[in-house]
Amino acid sequence: MTENTSFAYWLKHRYADWRYGPLGIRQLTHPERRISVFSRWLDVELDVLVRWMSGERPDPNSDQFKNLAARLGFRAYDFLEMPRPTKPSLRAWYRLKTSQTSSN
């Protein structure tokens, strides 16, 4: 498995966990659990998220990737064979993003 497809595989499974619940237990799907809502929750543009899920390699320095990592965890960096950021730096990034969102 290439690093691109392994990241896509991981991301698809994070979406499935978010949509259906952990442990693969398939509950009734609620309309509010669509991929468009997942992309808003991640603060990643829908078309970008779909491209990543299709195997396109994300830029780990992009704001959208940092948003995804802030929500889904440092493991996102592992799939790109990139060093994980320090926790304080990622937390600082996330605090900055959420404060900008709440002030708009």
C-alpha atoms as a PDB file:
ATOM      1  CA  MET A   1       0.000   0.000   0.000  1.00  0.00           C
ATOM      2  CA  THR A   2       1.445   3.403  -0.927  1.00  0.00           C
ATOM      3  CA  GLU A   3       1.501   6.232   1.560  1.00  0.00           C
ATOM      4  CA  ASN A   4      -1.223   8.035  -0.419  1.00  0.00           C
ATOM      5  CA  THR A   5      -3.643   5.136  -0.379  1.00  0.00           C
ATOM      6  CA  SER A   6      -2.886   4.286   3.238  1.00  0.00           C
ATOM      7  CA  PHE A   7      -3.744   7.871   4.242  1.00  0.00           C
ATOM      8  CA  ALA A   8      -6.921   7.672   2.137  1.00  0.00           C
ATOM      9  CA  TYR A   9      -7.791   4.321   3.737  1.00  0.00           C
ATOM     10  CA  TRP A  10      -7.250   5.729   7.230  1.00  0.00           C
ATOM     11  CA  LEU A  11      -9.278   8.853   6.433  1.00  0.00           C
ATOM     12  CA  LYS A  12     -12.184   6.830   5.033  1.00  0.00           C
ATOM     13  CA  HIS A  13     -12.223   4.784   8.226  1.00  0.00           C
ATOM     14  CA  ARG A  14     -12.194   7.916  10.394  1.00  0.00           C
ATOM     15  CA  TYR A  15     -15.223   9.120   8.416  1.00  0.00           C
ATOM     16  CA  ALA A  16     -16.950   5.755   8.911  1.00  0.00           C
ATOM     17  CA  ASP A  17     -16.235   5.889  12.660  1.00  0.00           C
ATOM     18  CA  TRP A  18     -17.625   9.418  12.823  1.00  0.00           C
ATOM     19  CA  ARG A  19     -20.672   8.530  10.729  1.00  0.00           C
ATOM     20  CA  TYR A  20     -21.616   5.125  12.117  1.00  0.00           C
ATOM     21  CA  GLY A  21     -19.942   4.996  15.514  1.00  0.00           C
ATOM     22  CA  PRO A  22     -16.883   3.108  16.752  1.00  0.00           C
ATOM     23  CA  LEU A  23     -16.179  -0.579  16.371  1.00  0.00           C
ATOM     24  CA  GLY A  24     -17.925  -0.787  13.007  1.00  0.00           C
ATOM     25  CA  ILE A  25     -21.352  -1.001  14.571  1.00  0.00           C
ATOM     26  CA  ARG A  26     -23.656   0.120  11.801  1.00  0.00           C
ATOM     27  CA  GLN A  27     -26.349   2.257  13.292  1.00  0.00           C
ATOM     28  CA  LEU A  28     -29.008   4.029  11.300  1.00  0.00           C
ATOM     29  CA  THR A  29     -27.350   6.757   9.322  1.00  0.00           C
ATOM     30  CA  HIS A  30     -28.612  10.183  10.200  1.00  0.00           C
ATOM     31  CA  PRO A  31     -28.777  12.905   7.528  1.00  0.00           C
ATOM     32  CA  GLU A  32     -26.552  15.123   9.650  1.00  0.00           C
ATOM     33  CA  ARG A  33     -23.728  12.601   9.285  1.00  0.00           C
ATOM     34  CA  ARG A  34     -23.064  13.234   5.593  1.00  0.00           C
ATOM     35  CA  ILE A  35     -19.573  13.831   4.261  1.00  0.00           C
ATOM     36  CA  SER A  36     -20.349  17.532   3.784  1.00  0.00           C
ATOM     37  CA  VAL A  37     -21.006  17.841   7.528  1.00  0.00           C
ATOM     38  CA  PHE A  38     -17.826  15.865   8.258  1.00  0.00           C
ATOM     39  CA  SER A  39     -15.829  18.284   6.099  1.00  0.00           C
ATOM     40  CA  ARG A  40     -17.307  21.282   7.948  1.00  0.00           C
ATOM     41  CA  TRP A  41     -16.539  19.627  11.299  1.00  0.00           C
ATOM     42  CA  LEU A  42     -12.936  19.100  10.163  1.00  0.00           C
ATOM     43  CA  ASP A  43     -12.789  22.627   8.692  1.00  0.00           C
ATOM     44  CA  VAL A  44     -11.610  21.152   5.385  1.00  0.00           C
ATOM     45  CA  GLU A  45     -13.189  22.085   2.059  1.00  0.00           C
ATOM     46  CA  LEU A  46     -15.401  19.285   0.763  1.00  0.00           C
ATOM     47  CA  ASP A  47     -13.649  18.958  -2.606  1.00  0.00           C
ATOM     48  CA  VAL A  48     -10.260  18.766  -0.860  1.00  0.00           C
ATOM     49  CA  LEU A  49     -11.517  16.099   1.545  1.00  0.00           C
ATOM     50  CA  VAL A  50     -12.909  14.032  -1.329  1.00  0.00           C
ATOM     51  CA  ARG A  51      -9.597  14.269  -3.216  1.00  0.00           C
ATOM     52  CA  TRP A  52      -7.707  13.124  -0.116  1.00  0.00           C
ATOM     53  CA  MET A  53     -10.107  10.220   0.349  1.00  0.00           C
ATOM     54  CA  SER A  54      -9.506   9.321  -3.309  1.00  0.00           C
ATOM     55  CA  GLY A  55      -5.746   9.055  -2.790  1.00  0.00           C
ATOM     56  CA  GLU A  56      -4.385  12.553  -3.414  1.00  0.00           C
ATOM     57  CA  ARG A  57      -1.522  13.356  -1.062  1.00  0.00           C
ATOM     58  CA  PRO A  58      -2.304  16.286   1.233  1.00  0.00           C
ATOM     59  CA  ASP A  59       0.198  19.038   1.938  1.00  0.00           C
ATOM     60  CA  PRO A  60       0.997  18.576   5.651  1.00  0.00           C
ATOM     61  CA  ASN A  61       1.825  22.286   5.904  1.00  0.00           C
ATOM     62  CA  SER A  62      -1.571  23.416   4.658  1.00  0.00           C
ATOM     63  CA  ASP A  63      -4.097  24.939   7.027  1.00  0.00           C
ATOM     64  CA  GLN A  64      -6.680  22.366   5.981  1.00  0.00           C
ATOM     65  CA  PHE A  65      -4.420  19.444   6.840  1.00  0.00           C
ATOM     66  CA  LYS A  66      -3.599  21.032  10.192  1.00  0.00           C
ATOM     67  CA  ASN A  67      -7.329  21.417  10.841  1.00  0.00           C
ATOM     68  CA  LEU A  68      -7.823  17.720  10.066  1.00  0.00           C
ATOM     69  CA  ALA A  69      -4.953  16.723  12.360  1.00  0.00           C
ATOM     70  CA  ALA A  70      -6.325  18.915  15.143  1.00  0.00           C
ATOM     71  CA  ARG A  71      -9.608  16.982  14.970  1.00  0.00           C
ATOM     72  CA  LEU A  72      -8.429  13.462  14.094  1.00  0.00           C
ATOM     73  CA  GLY A  73      -5.020  13.336  15.751  1.00  0.00           C
ATOM     74  CA  PHE A  74      -1.322  13.147  15.009  1.00  0.00           C
ATOM     75  CA  ARG A  75      -1.602   9.792  13.292  1.00  0.00           C
ATOM     76  CA  ALA A  76      -2.469  11.696  10.114  1.00  0.00           C
ATOM     77  CA  TYR A  77       1.201  12.713   9.921  1.00  0.00           C
ATOM     78  CA  ASP A  78       2.347   9.096  10.288  1.00  0.00           C
ATOM     79  CA  PHE A  79       0.604   8.107   7.061  1.00  0.00           C
ATOM     80  CA  LEU A  80       2.506  10.822   5.197  1.00  0.00           C
ATOM     81  CA  GLU A  81       5.788   9.728   6.791  1.00  0.00           C
ATOM     82  CA  MET A  82       6.126  13.185   8.316  1.00  0.00           C
ATOM     83  CA  PRO A  83       7.207  13.973  11.861  1.00  0.00           C
ATOM     84  CA  ARG A  84       4.378  14.696  14.223  1.00  0.00           C
ATOM     85  CA  PRO A  85       4.178  18.268  15.468  1.00  0.00           C
ATOM     86  CA  THR A  86       4.585  18.892  19.141  1.00  0.00           C
ATOM     87  CA  LYS A  87       1.328  18.819  21.043  1.00  0.00           C
ATOM     88  CA  PRO A  88       1.608  22.427  22.251  1.00  0.00           C
ATOM     89  CA  SER A  89       2.097  23.715  18.695  1.00  0.00           C
ATOM     90  CA  LEU A  90      -0.928  21.835  17.381  1.00  0.00           C
ATOM     91  CA  ARG A  91      -3.028  22.916  20.344  1.00  0.00           C
ATOM     92  CA  ALA A  92      -1.952  26.527  19.738  1.00  0.00           C
ATOM     93  CA  TRP A  93      -2.977  26.165  16.088  1.00  0.00           C
ATOM     94  CA  TYR A  94      -6.359  24.763  17.034  1.00  0.00           C
ATOM     95  CA  ARG A  95      -6.990  27.484  19.654  1.00  0.00           C
ATOM     96  CA  LEU A  96      -6.154  30.148  17.068  1.00  0.00           C
ATOM     97  CA  LYS A  97      -8.506  28.594  14.502  1.00  0.00           C
ATOM     98  CA  THR A  98     -11.391  28.217  16.932  1.00  0.00           C
ATOM     99  CA  SER A  99     -10.994  31.764  18.251  1.00  0.00           C
ATOM    100  CA  GLN A 100     -11.100  33.108  14.678  1.00  0.00           C
ATOM    101  CA  THR A 101     -14.217  31.060  13.950  1.00  0.00           C
ATOM    102  CA  SER A 102     -16.037  32.224  17.070  1.00  0.00           C
ATOM    103  CA  SER A 103     -15.226  35.893  16.436  1.00  0.00           C
ATOM    104  CA  ASN A 104     -16.714  35.822  12.907  1.00  0.00           C
END
